[in-house]
Amino acid sequence: MISNTEMVRIRRQMQRRIRDVVAERRRARMMEAHDLTGEPTESGTSLTTTV
């Protein structure tokens, strides 16, 4: 059985990994939303960054 401190550490590690994946996917969507001239498309203008 794992201790409470280990459980907290594992939970925080998992949350950090999830945040990293979400941020990476958000960056990928933002990059895809820009056309060759660097202007955002309609789908790109609706994306907002919240922390």
N, C-alpha and C. Protein backbone atom coordinates (compact mmCIF):
# COMPACT_ATOMS: atom_id res chain seq x y z
N MET A 1 0.85 -1.19 0.00
CA MET A 1 0.00 0.00 0.00
C MET A 1 0.89 1.24 0.00
N ILE A 2 0.46 2.27 -0.72
CA ILE A 2 1.27 3.48 -0.79
C ILE A 2 0.78 4.51 0.23
N SER A 3 1.70 5.32 0.69
CA SER A 3 1.37 6.30 1.72
C SER A 3 0.66 7.51 1.10
N ASN A 4 0.11 8.34 1.97
CA ASN A 4 -0.59 9.54 1.50
C ASN A 4 0.35 10.47 0.76
N THR A 5 1.58 10.62 1.23
CA THR A 5 2.52 11.52 0.56
C THR A 5 2.87 11.00 -0.84
N GLU A 6 2.99 9.68 -0.98
CA GLU A 6 3.25 9.11 -2.30
C GLU A 6 2.05 9.33 -3.23
N MET A 7 0.86 9.18 -2.68
CA MET A 7 -0.35 9.39 -3.48
C MET A 7 -0.44 10.83 -3.96
N VAL A 8 -0.13 11.77 -3.09
CA VAL A 8 -0.15 13.19 -3.47
C VAL A 8 0.89 13.46 -4.53
N ARG A 9 2.09 12.90 -4.38
CA ARG A 9 3.16 13.09 -5.35
C ARG A 9 2.76 12.53 -6.71
N ILE A 10 2.18 11.34 -6.73
CA ILE A 10 1.76 10.72 -7.98
C ILE A 10 0.65 11.53 -8.64
N ARG A 11 -0.31 11.99 -7.83
CA ARG A 11 -1.42 12.78 -8.37
C ARG A 11 -0.90 14.07 -9.00
N ARG A 12 0.01 14.75 -8.31
CA ARG A 12 0.57 15.99 -8.85
C ARG A 12 1.34 15.74 -10.14
N GLN A 13 2.08 14.63 -10.16
CA GLN A 13 2.84 14.28 -11.36
C GLN A 13 1.90 14.03 -12.54
N MET A 14 0.80 13.32 -12.28
CA MET A 14 -0.17 13.05 -13.34
C MET A 14 -0.81 14.33 -13.83
N GLN A 15 -1.17 15.23 -12.91
CA GLN A 15 -1.78 16.50 -13.30
C GLN A 15 -0.81 17.32 -14.14
N ARG A 16 0.48 17.31 -13.77
CA ARG A 16 1.49 18.05 -14.53
C ARG A 16 1.59 17.49 -15.94
N ARG A 17 1.59 16.17 -16.06
CA ARG A 17 1.67 15.55 -17.39
C ARG A 17 0.45 15.89 -18.24
N ILE A 18 -0.73 15.87 -17.61
CA ILE A 18 -1.95 16.20 -18.35
C ILE A 18 -1.90 17.65 -18.82
N ARG A 19 -1.47 18.57 -17.94
CA ARG A 19 -1.36 19.98 -18.34
C ARG A 19 -0.39 20.14 -19.49
N ASP A 20 0.73 19.40 -19.45
CA ASP A 20 1.71 19.49 -20.53
C ASP A 20 1.13 19.02 -21.86
N VAL A 21 0.38 17.92 -21.83
CA VAL A 21 -0.22 17.40 -23.05
C VAL A 21 -1.27 18.37 -23.59
N VAL A 22 -2.10 18.91 -22.69
CA VAL A 22 -3.12 19.87 -23.11
C VAL A 22 -2.47 21.10 -23.73
N ALA A 23 -1.42 21.61 -23.10
CA ALA A 23 -0.73 22.78 -23.64
C ALA A 23 -0.11 22.48 -25.00
N GLU A 24 0.46 21.29 -25.14
CA GLU A 24 1.08 20.91 -26.41
C GLU A 24 0.02 20.82 -27.51
N ARG A 25 -1.12 20.23 -27.19
CA ARG A 25 -2.20 20.14 -28.18
C ARG A 25 -2.74 21.51 -28.53
N ARG A 26 -2.84 22.40 -27.53
CA ARG A 26 -3.31 23.76 -27.79
C ARG A 26 -2.36 24.48 -28.73
N ARG A 27 -1.04 24.33 -28.48
CA ARG A 27 -0.05 24.96 -29.36
C ARG A 27 -0.16 24.41 -30.78
N ALA A 28 -0.38 23.10 -30.90
CA ALA A 28 -0.50 22.49 -32.22
C ALA A 28 -1.73 23.03 -32.95
N ARG A 29 -2.85 23.18 -32.23
CA ARG A 29 -4.05 23.73 -32.86
C ARG A 29 -3.83 25.17 -33.29
N MET A 30 -3.13 25.93 -32.45
CA MET A 30 -2.87 27.33 -32.80
C MET A 30 -1.98 27.42 -34.04
N MET A 31 -1.00 26.53 -34.13
CA MET A 31 -0.12 26.54 -35.31
C MET A 31 -0.91 26.16 -36.56
N GLU A 32 -1.83 25.19 -36.45
CA GLU A 32 -2.63 24.78 -37.60
C GLU A 32 -3.64 25.85 -37.98
N ALA A 33 -4.03 26.68 -37.03
CA ALA A 33 -5.04 27.70 -37.30
C ALA A 33 -4.49 28.86 -38.12
N HIS A 34 -3.18 28.97 -38.21
CA HIS A 34 -2.58 30.05 -39.00
C HIS A 34 -2.30 29.57 -40.41
N ASP A 35 -2.62 30.42 -41.37
CA ASP A 35 -2.31 30.04 -42.75
C ASP A 35 -0.87 30.44 -43.06
N LEU A 36 -0.46 30.36 -44.31
CA LEU A 36 0.93 30.60 -44.68
C LEU A 36 1.37 32.04 -44.43
N THR A 37 0.43 32.99 -44.43
CA THR A 37 0.80 34.38 -44.20
C THR A 37 0.89 34.73 -42.73
N GLY A 38 0.51 33.80 -41.86
CA GLY A 38 0.58 34.05 -40.44
C GLY A 38 -0.68 34.65 -39.86
N GLU A 39 -1.70 34.81 -40.70
CA GLU A 39 -2.96 35.36 -40.21
C GLU A 39 -3.81 34.23 -39.63
N PRO A 40 -4.45 34.46 -38.48
CA PRO A 40 -5.31 33.42 -37.92
C PRO A 40 -6.56 33.22 -38.77
N THR A 41 -7.00 31.98 -38.85
CA THR A 41 -8.23 31.68 -39.57
C THR A 41 -9.40 31.88 -38.63
N GLU A 42 -10.61 31.68 -39.12
CA GLU A 42 -11.78 31.87 -38.26
C GLU A 42 -11.77 30.92 -37.08
N SER A 43 -11.35 29.68 -37.30
CA SER A 43 -11.31 28.73 -36.19
C SER A 43 -10.25 29.11 -35.17
N GLY A 44 -9.22 29.80 -35.60
CA GLY A 44 -8.15 30.19 -34.68
C GLY A 44 -8.50 31.37 -33.80
N THR A 45 -9.45 32.19 -34.25
CA THR A 45 -9.78 33.38 -33.47
C THR A 45 -10.63 33.03 -32.25
N SER A 46 -11.29 31.87 -32.24
CA SER A 46 -12.15 31.54 -31.12
C SER A 46 -11.38 30.86 -29.98
N LEU A 47 -10.12 30.52 -30.22
CA LEU A 47 -9.34 29.86 -29.17
C LEU A 47 -8.85 30.90 -28.15
N THR A 48 -9.05 30.59 -26.89
CA THR A 48 -8.58 31.46 -25.83
C THR A 48 -7.70 30.67 -24.90
N THR A 49 -6.76 31.35 -24.29
CA THR A 49 -5.85 30.70 -23.35
C THR A 49 -6.26 31.09 -21.94
N THR A 50 -6.59 30.09 -21.13
CA THR A 50 -6.94 30.35 -19.73
C THR A 50 -6.00 29.56 -18.85
N VAL A 51 -5.61 30.19 -17.77
CA VAL A 51 -4.69 29.52 -16.85
C VAL A 51 -5.32 29.48 -15.48
